[in-house]
Amino acid sequence: MQHVSKFKKLTAKTLIAAVDFSKSKHSGYFTTYTGEEATPFEFSNTLKGFEKFWDKLQKFKRKCEFEDVVVSFESTLYPLYRKQRSKNASG
């Protein structure tokens, strides 16, 4: 069995995908080590909703030629989004 480290080094080739789960609608957000980001979006708590999330993730990954994906779940989405927005607003 391969050991997977809980922490991964982020590089310019790493896509960061954040998901905030709720009962019926989830929120997704993609960003990069260098600050490029996708518009946050919602997807439903269904197979079709997951497929929407997966399709957006794959398209963003291909567009930016990422090699790795790190997924963050739950309460980390909103602070990450706010941090990124304030960084972008300040310059």
C-alpha atoms as a PDB file:
ATOM      1  CA  MET A   1       0.000   0.000   0.000  1.00  0.00           C
ATOM      2  CA  GLN A   2       1.309   3.427  -0.953  1.00  0.00           C
ATOM      3  CA  HIS A   3       1.650   5.959   1.866  1.00  0.00           C
ATOM      4  CA  VAL A   4       0.052   9.303   1.061  1.00  0.00           C
ATOM      5  CA  SER A   5       1.323  12.297   2.972  1.00  0.00           C
ATOM      6  CA  LYS A   6      -1.315  14.544   4.528  1.00  0.00           C
ATOM      7  CA  PHE A   7       0.591  17.602   3.378  1.00  0.00           C
ATOM      8  CA  LYS A   8       1.692  18.315  -0.174  1.00  0.00           C
ATOM      9  CA  LYS A   9       4.124  20.914  -1.424  1.00  0.00           C
ATOM     10  CA  LEU A  10       2.312  23.477  -3.547  1.00  0.00           C
ATOM     11  CA  THR A  11       3.967  24.580  -6.758  1.00  0.00           C
ATOM     12  CA  ALA A  12       3.056  26.720  -9.747  1.00  0.00           C
ATOM     13  CA  LYS A  13       1.731  23.489 -11.341  1.00  0.00           C
ATOM     14  CA  THR A  14      -0.689  22.736  -8.483  1.00  0.00           C
ATOM     15  CA  LEU A  15      -4.419  23.409  -8.759  1.00  0.00           C
ATOM     16  CA  ILE A  16      -6.091  24.059  -5.409  1.00  0.00           C
ATOM     17  CA  ALA A  17      -9.750  23.014  -5.367  1.00  0.00           C
ATOM     18  CA  ALA A  18     -11.830  23.998  -2.342  1.00  0.00           C
ATOM     19  CA  VAL A  19     -15.266  22.573  -1.560  1.00  0.00           C
ATOM     20  CA  ASP A  20     -17.673  23.788   1.098  1.00  0.00           C
ATOM     21  CA  PHE A  21     -20.326  21.141   1.676  1.00  0.00           C
ATOM     22  CA  SER A  22     -23.892  21.757   2.761  1.00  0.00           C
ATOM     23  CA  LYS A  23     -27.021  19.650   2.857  1.00  0.00           C
ATOM     24  CA  SER A  24     -28.293  20.371  -0.647  1.00  0.00           C
ATOM     25  CA  LYS A  25     -25.951  22.826  -2.401  1.00  0.00           C
ATOM     26  CA  HIS A  26     -22.170  22.795  -2.256  1.00  0.00           C
ATOM     27  CA  SER A  27     -19.781  25.608  -3.206  1.00  0.00           C
ATOM     28  CA  GLY A  28     -16.656  25.057  -5.278  1.00  0.00           C
ATOM     29  CA  TYR A  29     -13.676  27.296  -5.877  1.00  0.00           C
ATOM     30  CA  PHE A  30     -10.385  26.855  -7.732  1.00  0.00           C
ATOM     31  CA  THR A  31      -7.218  28.836  -7.237  1.00  0.00           C
ATOM     32  CA  THR A  32      -3.505  28.472  -7.819  1.00  0.00           C
ATOM     33  CA  TYR A  33      -0.251  29.028  -5.997  1.00  0.00           C
ATOM     34  CA  THR A  34       0.287  32.079  -8.201  1.00  0.00           C
ATOM     35  CA  GLY A  35      -3.157  33.591  -7.501  1.00  0.00           C
ATOM     36  CA  GLU A  36      -5.048  32.720 -10.687  1.00  0.00           C
ATOM     37  CA  GLU A  37      -8.608  31.800  -9.788  1.00  0.00           C
ATOM     38  CA  ALA A  38     -11.926  30.637 -11.139  1.00  0.00           C
ATOM     39  CA  THR A  39     -15.255  32.172 -10.203  1.00  0.00           C
ATOM     40  CA  PRO A  40     -16.806  30.355  -7.213  1.00  0.00           C
ATOM     41  CA  PHE A  41     -19.774  28.199  -8.207  1.00  0.00           C
ATOM     42  CA  GLU A  42     -22.485  26.045  -6.658  1.00  0.00           C
ATOM     43  CA  PHE A  43     -23.299  22.443  -7.407  1.00  0.00           C
ATOM     44  CA  SER A  44     -25.983  20.136  -6.091  1.00  0.00           C
ATOM     45  CA  ASN A  45     -25.588  17.206  -3.719  1.00  0.00           C
ATOM     46  CA  THR A  46     -26.258  14.685  -6.507  1.00  0.00           C
ATOM     47  CA  LEU A  47     -24.260  12.661  -9.004  1.00  0.00           C
ATOM     48  CA  LYS A  48     -25.039  15.301 -11.631  1.00  0.00           C
ATOM     49  CA  GLY A  49     -23.750  17.989  -9.250  1.00  0.00           C
ATOM     50  CA  PHE A  50     -20.510  16.083  -8.629  1.00  0.00           C
ATOM     51  CA  GLU A  51     -20.067  15.642 -12.370  1.00  0.00           C
ATOM     52  CA  LYS A  52     -20.429  19.440 -12.753  1.00  0.00           C
ATOM     53  CA  PHE A  53     -17.708  19.970 -10.124  1.00  0.00           C
ATOM     54  CA  TRP A  54     -15.436  17.343 -11.729  1.00  0.00           C
ATOM     55  CA  ASP A  55     -15.940  18.761 -15.237  1.00  0.00           C
ATOM     56  CA  LYS A  56     -15.068  22.304 -14.102  1.00  0.00           C
ATOM     57  CA  LEU A  57     -12.013  21.009 -12.233  1.00  0.00           C
ATOM     58  CA  GLN A  58     -10.752  19.083 -15.281  1.00  0.00           C
ATOM     59  CA  LYS A  59     -11.304  22.040 -17.643  1.00  0.00           C
ATOM     60  CA  PHE A  60      -9.462  24.468 -15.341  1.00  0.00           C
ATOM     61  CA  LYS A  61      -6.667  21.924 -14.865  1.00  0.00           C
ATOM     62  CA  ARG A  62      -6.237  21.481 -18.640  1.00  0.00           C
ATOM     63  CA  LYS A  63      -6.529  25.218 -19.374  1.00  0.00           C
ATOM     64  CA  CYS A  64      -3.690  26.053 -16.993  1.00  0.00           C
ATOM     65  CA  GLU A  65      -1.689  22.854 -17.649  1.00  0.00           C
ATOM     66  CA  PHE A  66      -1.568  21.777 -14.004  1.00  0.00           C
ATOM     67  CA  GLU A  67       0.162  18.562 -12.995  1.00  0.00           C
ATOM     68  CA  ASP A  68      -1.282  18.181  -9.477  1.00  0.00           C
ATOM     69  CA  VAL A  69      -4.571  18.856  -7.701  1.00  0.00           C
ATOM     70  CA  VAL A  70      -5.000  19.463  -3.983  1.00  0.00           C
ATOM     71  CA  VAL A  71      -8.570  19.370  -2.679  1.00  0.00           C
ATOM     72  CA  SER A  72      -9.570  21.196   0.489  1.00  0.00           C
ATOM     73  CA  PHE A  73     -12.911  20.444   2.152  1.00  0.00           C
ATOM     74  CA  GLU A  74     -15.415  22.128   4.467  1.00  0.00           C
ATOM     75  CA  SER A  75     -14.683  25.234   6.479  1.00  0.00           C
ATOM     76  CA  THR A  76     -11.491  26.126   4.584  1.00  0.00           C
ATOM     77  CA  LEU A  77     -13.350  27.424   1.515  1.00  0.00           C
ATOM     78  CA  TYR A  78     -14.676  30.723   2.794  1.00  0.00           C
ATOM     79  CA  PRO A  79     -11.478  31.871   4.577  1.00  0.00           C
ATOM     80  CA  LEU A  80      -9.449  30.907   1.488  1.00  0.00           C
ATOM     81  CA  TYR A  81     -11.851  32.811  -0.760  1.00  0.00           C
ATOM     82  CA  ARG A  82     -11.826  35.898   1.511  1.00  0.00           C
ATOM     83  CA  LYS A  83      -8.031  35.836   1.758  1.00  0.00           C
ATOM     84  CA  GLN A  84      -7.694  35.627  -2.028  1.00  0.00           C
ATOM     85  CA  ARG A  85     -10.240  38.422  -2.582  1.00  0.00           C
ATOM     86  CA  SER A  86      -8.522  40.750  -0.126  1.00  0.00           C
ATOM     87  CA  LYS A  87      -5.138  39.975  -1.698  1.00  0.00           C
ATOM     88  CA  ASN A  88      -6.540  40.797  -5.146  1.00  0.00           C
ATOM     89  CA  ALA A  89      -8.217  43.987  -3.903  1.00  0.00           C
ATOM     90  CA  SER A  90      -5.007  45.270  -2.331  1.00  0.00           C
ATOM     91  CA  GLY A  91      -2.996  45.005  -5.392  1.00  0.00           C
END
